[in-house]
C-alpha atoms as a PDB file:
ATOM      1  CA  MET A   1     -42.191  12.690  27.522  1.00  0.00           C
ATOM      2  CA  LYS A   2     -41.166  11.732  31.062  1.00  0.00           C
ATOM      3  CA  SER A   3     -39.019   8.635  31.436  1.00  0.00           C
ATOM      4  CA  ALA A   4     -40.490   5.456  32.867  1.00  0.00           C
ATOM      5  CA  HIS A   5     -37.156   4.374  34.358  1.00  0.00           C
ATOM      6  CA  GLY A   6     -36.994   3.885  38.062  1.00  0.00           C
ATOM      7  CA  ASN A   7     -34.091   6.212  38.892  1.00  0.00           C
ATOM      8  CA  GLY A   8     -36.149   9.306  38.068  1.00  0.00           C
ATOM      9  CA  SER A   9     -33.821  10.453  35.292  1.00  0.00           C
ATOM     10  CA  GLY A  10     -34.735  10.480  31.648  1.00  0.00           C
ATOM     11  CA  THR A  11     -32.935   8.560  28.907  1.00  0.00           C
ATOM     12  CA  LEU A  12     -30.543  10.126  26.419  1.00  0.00           C
ATOM     13  CA  TYR A  13     -31.128   8.455  23.042  1.00  0.00           C
ATOM     14  CA  ILE A  14     -28.311   8.668  20.471  1.00  0.00           C
ATOM     15  CA  VAL A  15     -30.307   8.551  17.248  1.00  0.00           C
ATOM     16  CA  ALA A  16     -28.733   7.894  13.839  1.00  0.00           C
ATOM     17  CA  THR A  17     -30.380   9.812  11.001  1.00  0.00           C
ATOM     18  CA  PRO A  18     -30.108   9.412   7.189  1.00  0.00           C
ATOM     19  CA  ILE A  19     -26.906  10.435   5.407  1.00  0.00           C
ATOM     20  CA  GLY A  20     -28.865  11.142   2.238  1.00  0.00           C
ATOM     21  CA  ASN A  21     -31.807   8.861   1.543  1.00  0.00           C
ATOM     22  CA  LEU A  22     -34.617   9.641   3.988  1.00  0.00           C
ATOM     23  CA  GLU A  23     -35.974   6.107   3.647  1.00  0.00           C
ATOM     24  CA  ASP A  24     -32.956   4.890   5.633  1.00  0.00           C
ATOM     25  CA  LEU A  25     -34.402   6.230   8.896  1.00  0.00           C
ATOM     26  CA  SER A  26     -35.414   3.228  10.979  1.00  0.00           C
ATOM     27  CA  PRO A  27     -38.948   2.834  12.371  1.00  0.00           C
ATOM     28  CA  ARG A  28     -37.448   2.769  15.878  1.00  0.00           C
ATOM     29  CA  ALA A  29     -35.611   6.047  15.279  1.00  0.00           C
ATOM     30  CA  SER A  30     -38.825   7.661  14.067  1.00  0.00           C
ATOM     31  CA  ALA A  31     -40.714   6.351  17.109  1.00  0.00           C
ATOM     32  CA  VAL A  32     -38.078   7.657  19.541  1.00  0.00           C
ATOM     33  CA  LEU A  33     -38.061  11.095  17.917  1.00  0.00           C
ATOM     34  CA  SER A  34     -41.856  11.145  18.200  1.00  0.00           C
ATOM     35  CA  ARG A  35     -41.974  10.400  21.913  1.00  0.00           C
ATOM     36  CA  VAL A  36     -39.022  12.233  23.505  1.00  0.00           C
ATOM     37  CA  ALA A  37     -39.603  15.535  25.278  1.00  0.00           C
ATOM     38  CA  VAL A  38     -36.893  17.431  23.426  1.00  0.00           C
ATOM     39  CA  ILE A  39     -34.387  16.908  20.599  1.00  0.00           C
ATOM     40  CA  ALA A  40     -30.794  18.149  20.793  1.00  0.00           C
ATOM     41  CA  ALA A  41     -29.720  18.820  17.203  1.00  0.00           C
ATOM     42  CA  GLU A  42     -26.456  19.910  15.595  1.00  0.00           C
ATOM     43  CA  ASP A  43     -28.338  22.334  13.315  1.00  0.00           C
ATOM     44  CA  THR A  44     -31.968  22.922  14.255  1.00  0.00           C
ATOM     45  CA  ARG A  45     -32.855  24.311  10.811  1.00  0.00           C
ATOM     46  CA  HIS A  46     -31.398  21.277   9.026  1.00  0.00           C
ATOM     47  CA  SER A  47     -32.988  18.789  11.428  1.00  0.00           C
ATOM     48  CA  GLY A  48     -36.231  20.731  11.314  1.00  0.00           C
ATOM     49  CA  ARG A  49     -36.639  19.689   7.676  1.00  0.00           C
ATOM     50  CA  LEU A  50     -36.251  16.028   8.639  1.00  0.00           C
ATOM     51  CA  LEU A  51     -38.808  16.355  11.413  1.00  0.00           C
ATOM     52  CA  GLN A  52     -41.196  18.152   9.063  1.00  0.00           C
ATOM     53  CA  HIS A  53     -40.840  15.270   6.597  1.00  0.00           C
ATOM     54  CA  LEU A  54     -41.731  12.861   9.417  1.00  0.00           C
ATOM     55  CA  GLY A  55     -44.622  14.994  10.627  1.00  0.00           C
ATOM     56  CA  ILE A  56     -42.994  15.420  14.049  1.00  0.00           C
ATOM     57  CA  ARG A  57     -43.167  18.624  16.072  1.00  0.00           C
ATOM     58  CA  LYS A  58     -40.809  18.768  19.022  1.00  0.00           C
ATOM     59  CA  PRO A  59     -38.879  21.510  20.813  1.00  0.00           C
ATOM     60  CA  MET A  60     -35.208  21.496  19.793  1.00  0.00           C
ATOM     61  CA  ILE A  61     -31.994  22.599  21.451  1.00  0.00           C
ATOM     62  CA  ALA A  62     -29.033  23.519  19.248  1.00  0.00           C
ATOM     63  CA  LEU A  63     -25.991  21.517  20.356  1.00  0.00           C
ATOM     64  CA  HIS A  64     -22.915  21.779  18.148  1.00  0.00           C
ATOM     65  CA  ASP A  65     -19.117  21.978  18.325  1.00  0.00           C
ATOM     66  CA  HIS A  66     -19.086  25.630  19.370  1.00  0.00           C
ATOM     67  CA  ASN A  67     -21.599  25.480  22.233  1.00  0.00           C
ATOM     68  CA  GLU A  68     -21.653  21.865  23.421  1.00  0.00           C
ATOM     69  CA  ARG A  69     -19.891  22.471  26.760  1.00  0.00           C
ATOM     70  CA  ASP A  70     -22.419  25.169  27.663  1.00  0.00           C
ATOM     71  CA  ARG A  71     -25.523  23.454  26.303  1.00  0.00           C
ATOM     72  CA  ALA A  72     -24.691  20.047  27.803  1.00  0.00           C
ATOM     73  CA  ALA A  73     -25.663  21.390  31.255  1.00  0.00           C
ATOM     74  CA  GLN A  74     -29.052  22.488  29.918  1.00  0.00           C
ATOM     75  CA  VAL A  75     -29.702  19.077  28.374  1.00  0.00           C
ATOM     76  CA  LEU A  76     -28.571  17.262  31.533  1.00  0.00           C
ATOM     77  CA  ASP A  77     -30.955  19.356  33.621  1.00  0.00           C
ATOM     78  CA  ARG A  78     -33.819  18.151  31.421  1.00  0.00           C
ATOM     79  CA  LEU A  79     -32.644  14.546  31.695  1.00  0.00           C
ATOM     80  CA  GLU A  80     -32.239  14.683  35.468  1.00  0.00           C
ATOM     81  CA  GLY A  81     -35.687  16.238  35.668  1.00  0.00           C
ATOM     82  CA  GLY A  82     -37.081  13.071  34.091  1.00  0.00           C
ATOM     83  CA  ASP A  83     -37.350  14.091  30.430  1.00  0.00           C
ATOM     84  CA  ASP A  84     -36.217  11.776  27.659  1.00  0.00           C
ATOM     85  CA  VAL A  85     -33.948  13.501  25.140  1.00  0.00           C
ATOM     86  CA  ALA A  86     -32.837  12.493  21.624  1.00  0.00           C
ATOM     87  CA  LEU A  87     -29.444  13.581  20.304  1.00  0.00           C
ATOM     88  CA  ILE A  88     -29.138  13.834  16.518  1.00  0.00           C
ATOM     89  CA  SER A  89     -26.529  15.247  14.152  1.00  0.00           C
ATOM     90  CA  ASP A  90     -26.994  16.683  10.679  1.00  0.00           C
ATOM     91  CA  ALA A  91     -26.522  13.232   9.124  1.00  0.00           C
ATOM     92  CA  GLY A  92     -25.480   9.784  10.274  1.00  0.00           C
ATOM     93  CA  THR A  93     -24.554   8.643  13.763  1.00  0.00           C
ATOM     94  CA  PRO A  94     -23.868  11.306  16.412  1.00  0.00           C
ATOM     95  CA  LEU A  95     -20.337  11.460  17.884  1.00  0.00           C
ATOM     96  CA  ILE A  96     -18.782   9.903  14.748  1.00  0.00           C
ATOM     97  CA  SER A  97     -16.921  13.074  13.689  1.00  0.00           C
ATOM     98  CA  ASP A  98     -19.978  14.921  15.008  1.00  0.00           C
ATOM     99  CA  PRO A  99     -20.870  16.645  18.306  1.00  0.00           C
ATOM    100  CA  GLY A 100     -22.050  14.740  21.377  1.00  0.00           C
ATOM    101  CA  PHE A 101     -18.958  13.454  23.171  1.00  0.00           C
ATOM    102  CA  VAL A 102     -19.110  15.999  25.996  1.00  0.00           C
ATOM    103  CA  LEU A 103     -22.818  15.428  26.571  1.00  0.00           C
ATOM    104  CA  VAL A 104     -22.620  11.626  26.527  1.00  0.00           C
ATOM    105  CA  ARG A 105     -19.592  11.532  28.820  1.00  0.00           C
ATOM    106  CA  GLN A 106     -21.187  13.862  31.362  1.00  0.00           C
ATOM    107  CA  ALA A 107     -24.472  11.961  31.201  1.00  0.00           C
ATOM    108  CA  ARG A 108     -22.693   8.706  32.038  1.00  0.00           C
ATOM    109  CA  GLU A 109     -20.741  10.382  34.839  1.00  0.00           C
ATOM    110  CA  ARG A 110     -24.041  11.493  36.380  1.00  0.00           C
ATOM    111  CA  GLY A 111     -25.637   8.063  36.047  1.00  0.00           C
ATOM    112  CA  VAL A 112     -28.064   9.070  33.296  1.00  0.00           C
ATOM    113  CA  ARG A 113     -29.052   6.218  31.021  1.00  0.00           C
ATOM    114  CA  VAL A 114     -27.605   6.550  27.492  1.00  0.00           C
ATOM    115  CA  THR A 115     -28.844   4.218  24.775  1.00  0.00           C
ATOM    116  CA  PRO A 116     -28.058   4.043  21.036  1.00  0.00           C
ATOM    117  CA  VAL A 117     -30.631   3.890  18.276  1.00  0.00           C
ATOM    118  CA  PRO A 118     -28.459   2.466  15.467  1.00  0.00           C
ATOM    119  CA  GLY A 119     -28.729   3.436  11.856  1.00  0.00           C
ATOM    120  CA  PRO A 120     -26.842   5.098   9.008  1.00  0.00           C
ATOM    121  CA  CYS A 121     -23.137   5.859   9.346  1.00  0.00           C
ATOM    122  CA  ALA A 122     -21.162   7.087   6.336  1.00  0.00           C
ATOM    123  CA  LEU A 123     -17.910   5.313   7.161  1.00  0.00           C
ATOM    124  CA  VAL A 124     -19.597   1.929   7.655  1.00  0.00           C
ATOM    125  CA  ALA A 125     -21.721   2.346   4.527  1.00  0.00           C
ATOM    126  CA  ALA A 126     -18.661   3.243   2.455  1.00  0.00           C
ATOM    127  CA  LEU A 127     -16.522   0.395   3.794  1.00  0.00           C
ATOM    128  CA  SER A 128     -19.260  -2.149   3.132  1.00  0.00           C
ATOM    129  CA  ALA A 129     -19.193  -1.334  -0.594  1.00  0.00           C
ATOM    130  CA  ALA A 130     -15.507  -0.481  -1.110  1.00  0.00           C
ATOM    131  CA  GLY A 131     -14.017  -3.936  -1.565  1.00  0.00           C
ATOM    132  CA  LEU A 132     -11.177  -3.188   0.848  1.00  0.00           C
ATOM    133  CA  PRO A 133     -10.284  -5.343   3.880  1.00  0.00           C
ATOM    134  CA  THR A 134     -12.563  -4.549   6.818  1.00  0.00           C
ATOM    135  CA  ASP A 135     -11.247  -6.978   9.438  1.00  0.00           C
ATOM    136  CA  ARG A 136      -9.077  -4.100  10.700  1.00  0.00           C
ATOM    137  CA  PHE A 137      -9.583  -0.427   9.880  1.00  0.00           C
ATOM    138  CA  LEU A 138      -8.583   2.889  11.401  1.00  0.00           C
ATOM    139  CA  PHE A 139     -11.041   5.784  11.215  1.00  0.00           C
ATOM    140  CA  ALA A 140      -9.208   9.109  11.498  1.00  0.00           C
ATOM    141  CA  GLY A 141     -12.136  11.505  10.946  1.00  0.00           C
ATOM    142  CA  PHE A 142     -11.272  14.664   9.007  1.00  0.00           C
ATOM    143  CA  LEU A 143      -7.653  15.281   8.098  1.00  0.00           C
ATOM    144  CA  PRO A 144      -6.195  18.684   9.108  1.00  0.00           C
ATOM    145  CA  ALA A 145      -7.280  21.577   6.905  1.00  0.00           C
ATOM    146  CA  LYS A 146      -3.772  23.033   6.549  1.00  0.00           C
ATOM    147  CA  ARG A 147      -1.589  21.358   3.966  1.00  0.00           C
ATOM    148  CA  GLY A 148       1.516  20.925   6.120  1.00  0.00           C
ATOM    149  CA  ALA A 149      -0.380  19.376   9.025  1.00  0.00           C
ATOM    150  CA  ARG A 150      -2.352  17.175   6.638  1.00  0.00           C
ATOM    151  CA  ARG A 151       0.800  15.828   5.020  1.00  0.00           C
ATOM    152  CA  THR A 152       2.371  15.168   8.431  1.00  0.00           C
ATOM    153  CA  GLU A 153      -0.720  13.221   9.478  1.00  0.00           C
ATOM    154  CA  LEU A 154      -0.638  11.138   6.286  1.00  0.00           C
ATOM    155  CA  GLU A 155       3.067  10.414   6.757  1.00  0.00           C
ATOM    156  CA  SER A 156       2.398   9.201  10.297  1.00  0.00           C
ATOM    157  CA  LEU A 157      -0.227   6.764   8.969  1.00  0.00           C
ATOM    158  CA  ALA A 158       1.581   5.633   5.808  1.00  0.00           C
ATOM    159  CA  ASP A 159       2.919   2.372   7.283  1.00  0.00           C
ATOM    160  CA  THR A 160      -0.354   1.349   8.955  1.00  0.00           C
ATOM    161  CA  SER A 161      -1.374  -2.096   7.740  1.00  0.00           C
ATOM    162  CA  ALA A 162      -5.072  -1.586   8.508  1.00  0.00           C
ATOM    163  CA  THR A 163      -7.441   0.065   6.023  1.00  0.00           C
ATOM    164  CA  LEU A 164      -7.514   3.818   6.623  1.00  0.00           C
ATOM    165  CA  VAL A 165     -10.761   5.811   6.529  1.00  0.00           C
ATOM    166  CA  PHE A 166     -11.167   9.598   6.431  1.00  0.00           C
ATOM    167  CA  TYR A 167     -13.948  12.077   5.819  1.00  0.00           C
ATOM    168  CA  GLU A 168     -13.182  14.931   3.421  1.00  0.00           C
ATOM    169  CA  SER A 169     -14.965  18.019   2.152  1.00  0.00           C
ATOM    170  CA  PRO A 170     -15.376  18.772  -1.567  1.00  0.00           C
ATOM    171  CA  HIS A 171     -13.102  21.828  -1.616  1.00  0.00           C
ATOM    172  CA  ARG A 172     -10.136  19.817  -0.271  1.00  0.00           C
ATOM    173  CA  ILE A 173     -10.672  16.439  -1.921  1.00  0.00           C
ATOM    174  CA  LEU A 174      -8.348  17.014  -4.909  1.00  0.00           C
ATOM    175  CA  GLU A 175      -5.479  18.135  -2.685  1.00  0.00           C
ATOM    176  CA  THR A 176      -6.014  15.275  -0.248  1.00  0.00           C
ATOM    177  CA  VAL A 177      -6.057  12.593  -2.940  1.00  0.00           C
ATOM    178  CA  ALA A 178      -2.920  14.034  -4.537  1.00  0.00           C
ATOM    179  CA  GLU A 179      -1.145  14.016  -1.159  1.00  0.00           C
ATOM    180  CA  ILE A 180      -2.179  10.417  -0.480  1.00  0.00           C
ATOM    181  CA  ARG A 181      -0.648   9.508  -3.848  1.00  0.00           C
ATOM    182  CA  ASP A 182       2.541  11.433  -3.114  1.00  0.00           C
ATOM    183  CA  VAL A 183       2.989  10.258   0.484  1.00  0.00           C
ATOM    184  CA  MET A 184       1.797   6.649   0.249  1.00  0.00           C
ATOM    185  CA  GLY A 185       2.715   5.916  -3.358  1.00  0.00           C
ATOM    186  CA  ALA A 186       0.885   5.980  -6.673  1.00  0.00           C
ATOM    187  CA  THR A 187       0.180   2.238  -6.448  1.00  0.00           C
ATOM    188  CA  ARG A 188      -1.534   2.326  -3.031  1.00  0.00           C
ATOM    189  CA  GLU A 189      -5.115   1.092  -3.304  1.00  0.00           C
ATOM    190  CA  LEU A 190      -7.623   3.913  -2.880  1.00  0.00           C
ATOM    191  CA  VAL A 191     -11.431   4.083  -2.892  1.00  0.00           C
ATOM    192  CA  LEU A 192     -13.525   7.253  -2.678  1.00  0.00           C
ATOM    193  CA  GLY A 193     -17.223   7.180  -1.847  1.00  0.00           C
ATOM    194  CA  ARG A 194     -19.062  10.365  -2.881  1.00  0.00           C
ATOM    195  CA  GLU A 195     -22.635  11.406  -2.025  1.00  0.00           C
ATOM    196  CA  LEU A 196     -23.459   8.045  -0.436  1.00  0.00           C
ATOM    197  CA  THR A 197     -27.125   6.950  -0.669  1.00  0.00           C
ATOM    198  CA  LYS A 198     -27.957  10.054  -2.713  1.00  0.00           C
ATOM    199  CA  THR A 199     -28.982  10.329  -6.368  1.00  0.00           C
ATOM    200  CA  PHE A 200     -25.428  10.906  -7.622  1.00  0.00           C
ATOM    201  CA  GLU A 201     -23.662   8.358  -5.424  1.00  0.00           C
ATOM    202  CA  THR A 202     -20.288   7.531  -6.994  1.00  0.00           C
ATOM    203  CA  PHE A 203     -17.341   5.294  -6.122  1.00  0.00           C
ATOM    204  CA  TYR A 204     -13.857   5.873  -7.519  1.00  0.00           C
ATOM    205  CA  ALA A 205     -11.561   2.891  -7.028  1.00  0.00           C
ATOM    206  CA  GLY A 206      -8.089   1.798  -8.116  1.00  0.00           C
ATOM    207  CA  GLU A 207      -4.498   2.759  -7.481  1.00  0.00           C
ATOM    208  CA  ALA A 208      -4.014   6.194  -5.929  1.00  0.00           C
ATOM    209  CA  GLY A 209      -2.519   7.617  -9.115  1.00  0.00           C
ATOM    210  CA  GLU A 210      -5.440   6.335 -11.200  1.00  0.00           C
ATOM    211  CA  VAL A 211      -8.065   7.631  -8.767  1.00  0.00           C
ATOM    212  CA  CYS A 212      -6.355  11.026  -8.681  1.00  0.00           C
ATOM    213  CA  GLU A 213      -6.558  11.262 -12.477  1.00  0.00           C
ATOM    214  CA  ALA A 214     -10.167  10.041 -12.539  1.00  0.00           C
ATOM    215  CA  ILE A 215     -11.433  12.595 -10.051  1.00  0.00           C
ATOM    216  CA  GLU A 216      -9.557  15.407 -11.807  1.00  0.00           C
ATOM    217  CA  ARG A 217     -11.238  14.439 -15.120  1.00  0.00           C
ATOM    218  CA  ASP A 218     -14.723  14.180 -13.620  1.00  0.00           C
ATOM    219  CA  PRO A 219     -16.526  17.566 -13.785  1.00  0.00           C
ATOM    220  CA  ASN A 220     -18.470  16.509 -10.657  1.00  0.00           C
ATOM    221  CA  GLY A 221     -15.407  15.077  -8.933  1.00  0.00           C
ATOM    222  CA  ALA A 222     -15.089  17.912  -6.425  1.00  0.00           C
ATOM    223  CA  ARG A 223     -18.758  18.055  -5.445  1.00  0.00           C
ATOM    224  CA  GLY A 224     -20.460  16.453  -2.493  1.00  0.00           C
ATOM    225  CA  GLU A 225     -19.229  14.830   0.707  1.00  0.00           C
ATOM    226  CA  PHE A 226     -16.535  12.141   0.546  1.00  0.00           C
ATOM    227  CA  VAL A 227     -15.424   9.083   2.458  1.00  0.00           C
ATOM    228  CA  VAL A 228     -11.773   8.373   1.611  1.00  0.00           C
ATOM    229  CA  MET A 229     -10.549   4.785   2.101  1.00  0.00           C
ATOM    230  CA  VAL A 230      -6.922   3.746   1.680  1.00  0.00           C
ATOM    231  CA  GLY A 231      -5.729   0.150   1.532  1.00  0.00           C
ATOM    232  CA  GLY A 232      -3.317  -0.752   4.311  1.00  0.00           C
ATOM    233  CA  ALA A 233       0.430  -0.683   3.724  1.00  0.00           C
ATOM    234  CA  PRO A 234       1.827  -3.979   2.375  1.00  0.00           C
ATOM    235  CA  LEU A 235       3.615  -5.993   5.010  1.00  0.00           C
ATOM    236  CA  LYS A 236       7.363  -5.613   4.644  1.00  0.00           C
ATOM    237  CA  ALA A 237       9.495  -8.690   4.294  1.00  0.00           C
ATOM    238  CA  ASP A 238      12.181  -9.458   6.858  1.00  0.00           C
ATOM    239  CA  ALA A 239      15.386  -7.487   6.466  1.00  0.00           C
ATOM    240  CA  GLY A 240      18.746  -9.171   6.642  1.00  0.00           C
ATOM    241  CA  GLU A 241      21.714  -8.016   8.670  1.00  0.00           C
ATOM    242  CA  SER A 242      22.494  -5.422   5.999  1.00  0.00           C
ATOM    243  CA  GLY A 243      19.031  -3.877   6.489  1.00  0.00           C
ATOM    244  CA  GLU A 244      18.047  -4.590   2.871  1.00  0.00           C
ATOM    245  CA  VAL A 245      14.584  -5.874   2.115  1.00  0.00           C
ATOM    246  CA  ASN A 246      14.307  -9.555   1.207  1.00  0.00           C
ATOM    247  CA  THR A 247      12.872  -8.850  -2.237  1.00  0.00           C
ATOM    248  CA  ASP A 248      12.215 -12.459  -3.210  1.00  0.00           C
ATOM    249  CA  LYS A 249      10.180 -13.055  -0.058  1.00  0.00           C
ATOM    250  CA  LEU A 250       8.227  -9.862  -0.602  1.00  0.00           C
ATOM    251  CA  LEU A 251       7.471 -10.783  -4.214  1.00  0.00           C
ATOM    252  CA  SER A 252       6.341 -14.268  -3.193  1.00  0.00           C
ATOM    253  CA  LEU A 253       4.074 -13.011  -0.416  1.00  0.00           C
ATOM    254  CA  LEU A 254       2.366 -10.474  -2.644  1.00  0.00           C
ATOM    255  CA  MET A 255       1.964 -12.866  -5.587  1.00  0.00           C
ATOM    256  CA  ALA A 256      -0.205 -15.056  -3.392  1.00  0.00           C
ATOM    257  CA  GLU A 257      -2.799 -12.254  -3.441  1.00  0.00           C
ATOM    258  CA  LEU A 258      -2.114 -10.043  -6.464  1.00  0.00           C
ATOM    259  CA  PRO A 259      -1.281 -10.239 -10.203  1.00  0.00           C
ATOM    260  CA  VAL A 260       2.423 -10.261 -11.084  1.00  0.00           C
ATOM    261  CA  LYS A 261       2.296  -6.876 -12.823  1.00  0.00           C
ATOM    262  CA  LYS A 262       0.805  -5.165  -9.780  1.00  0.00           C
ATOM    263  CA  VAL A 263       3.250  -6.947  -7.474  1.00  0.00           C
ATOM    264  CA  ALA A 264       6.194  -5.632  -9.503  1.00  0.00           C
ATOM    265  CA  LYS A 265       4.868  -2.070  -9.280  1.00  0.00           C
ATOM    266  CA  ILE A 266       4.360  -2.263  -5.515  1.00  0.00           C
ATOM    267  CA  VAL A 267       7.797  -3.739  -4.825  1.00  0.00           C
ATOM    268  CA  ALA A 268       9.415  -1.185  -7.126  1.00  0.00           C
ATOM    269  CA  GLU A 269       7.737   1.551  -5.102  1.00  0.00           C
ATOM    270  CA  LEU A 270       8.964   0.045  -1.836  1.00  0.00           C
ATOM    271  CA  THR A 271      12.536  -0.787  -2.853  1.00  0.00           C
ATOM    272  CA  GLY A 272      13.383   1.676  -5.616  1.00  0.00           C
ATOM    273  CA  ARG A 273      14.488  -1.169  -7.893  1.00  0.00           C
ATOM    274  CA  PRO A 274      13.475  -1.170 -11.599  1.00  0.00           C
ATOM    275  CA  LYS A 275       9.958  -2.431 -12.184  1.00  0.00           C
ATOM    276  CA  ASN A 276      10.878  -4.472 -15.281  1.00  0.00           C
ATOM    277  CA  GLU A 277      13.655  -6.234 -13.391  1.00  0.00           C
ATOM    278  CA  LEU A 278      11.264  -7.083 -10.557  1.00  0.00           C
ATOM    279  CA  TYR A 279       8.618  -8.267 -13.020  1.00  0.00           C
ATOM    280  CA  GLN A 280      11.048 -10.728 -14.603  1.00  0.00           C
ATOM    281  CA  ARG A 281      12.211 -11.918 -11.178  1.00  0.00           C
ATOM    282  CA  ALA A 282       8.590 -12.416 -10.092  1.00  0.00           C
ATOM    283  CA  LEU A 283       7.903 -14.537 -13.194  1.00  0.00           C
ATOM    284  CA  THR A 284      10.938 -16.659 -12.386  1.00  0.00           C
ATOM    285  CA  LEU A 285       9.825 -17.181  -8.785  1.00  0.00           C
ATOM    286  CA  LYS A 286       6.316 -18.036  -9.916  1.00  0.00           C
ATOM    287  CA  ALA A 287       7.668 -20.647 -12.354  1.00  0.00           C
ATOM    288  CA  GLU A 288       9.820 -22.159  -9.626  1.00  0.00           C
END
């Protein structure tokens, strides 16, 4: 379809597609896919099944991580010729750990209209159901595949107070969860969302050590796609001139939000002091 916009160029539509449940495709997304001249898809075979389900027949251009810089020129030629184009990924919202950045940036540089067609996004879906703070979160995409680089990345994020969000593949999930436990502490709050919106959707939630044990016990624990969400690092109390943590202040701050037992475990992890000693001190402060 030729664009009706006055500048003669077509419109590039960034169309979110289902992450599992096909009923999550919006009516607007379906309408856009029906009327554009061509669809740029991450995997034409995968997206072809979605289009077949919708009863839509459209020419497709494969645009993925390995060919995007070359194919972007082809798509831009169509747009500048007046054709409307839809960009879709295999699942969810394009550009969110998916291809499309090069194309969208070049389209904007050339004055081509780019407009989003909102819809499913795995990280937003997972956060909405995780029970973790969402006023501030940091999405870091996929962690590095190599163990050393992955651990370095986790160490660099360990003190971040915002909720952390990652994507992870099934064959690395056990290693990643174990490293989160080891780097950020066994008591750090952790939630895993697996196979979101699909038949076997599962959430694992609790302290990192508990979640690690739960996923190791689950025979299906290493199957499917994962969203990994880590509670932000507890705020550290002020340190005195000696550089030591003000333990009483830290205990008091955390007790305003958490049970005493959990507070004692967290502060023990942070300070290295005995958990039982901290538990008794917390009870004393609470009584006072």
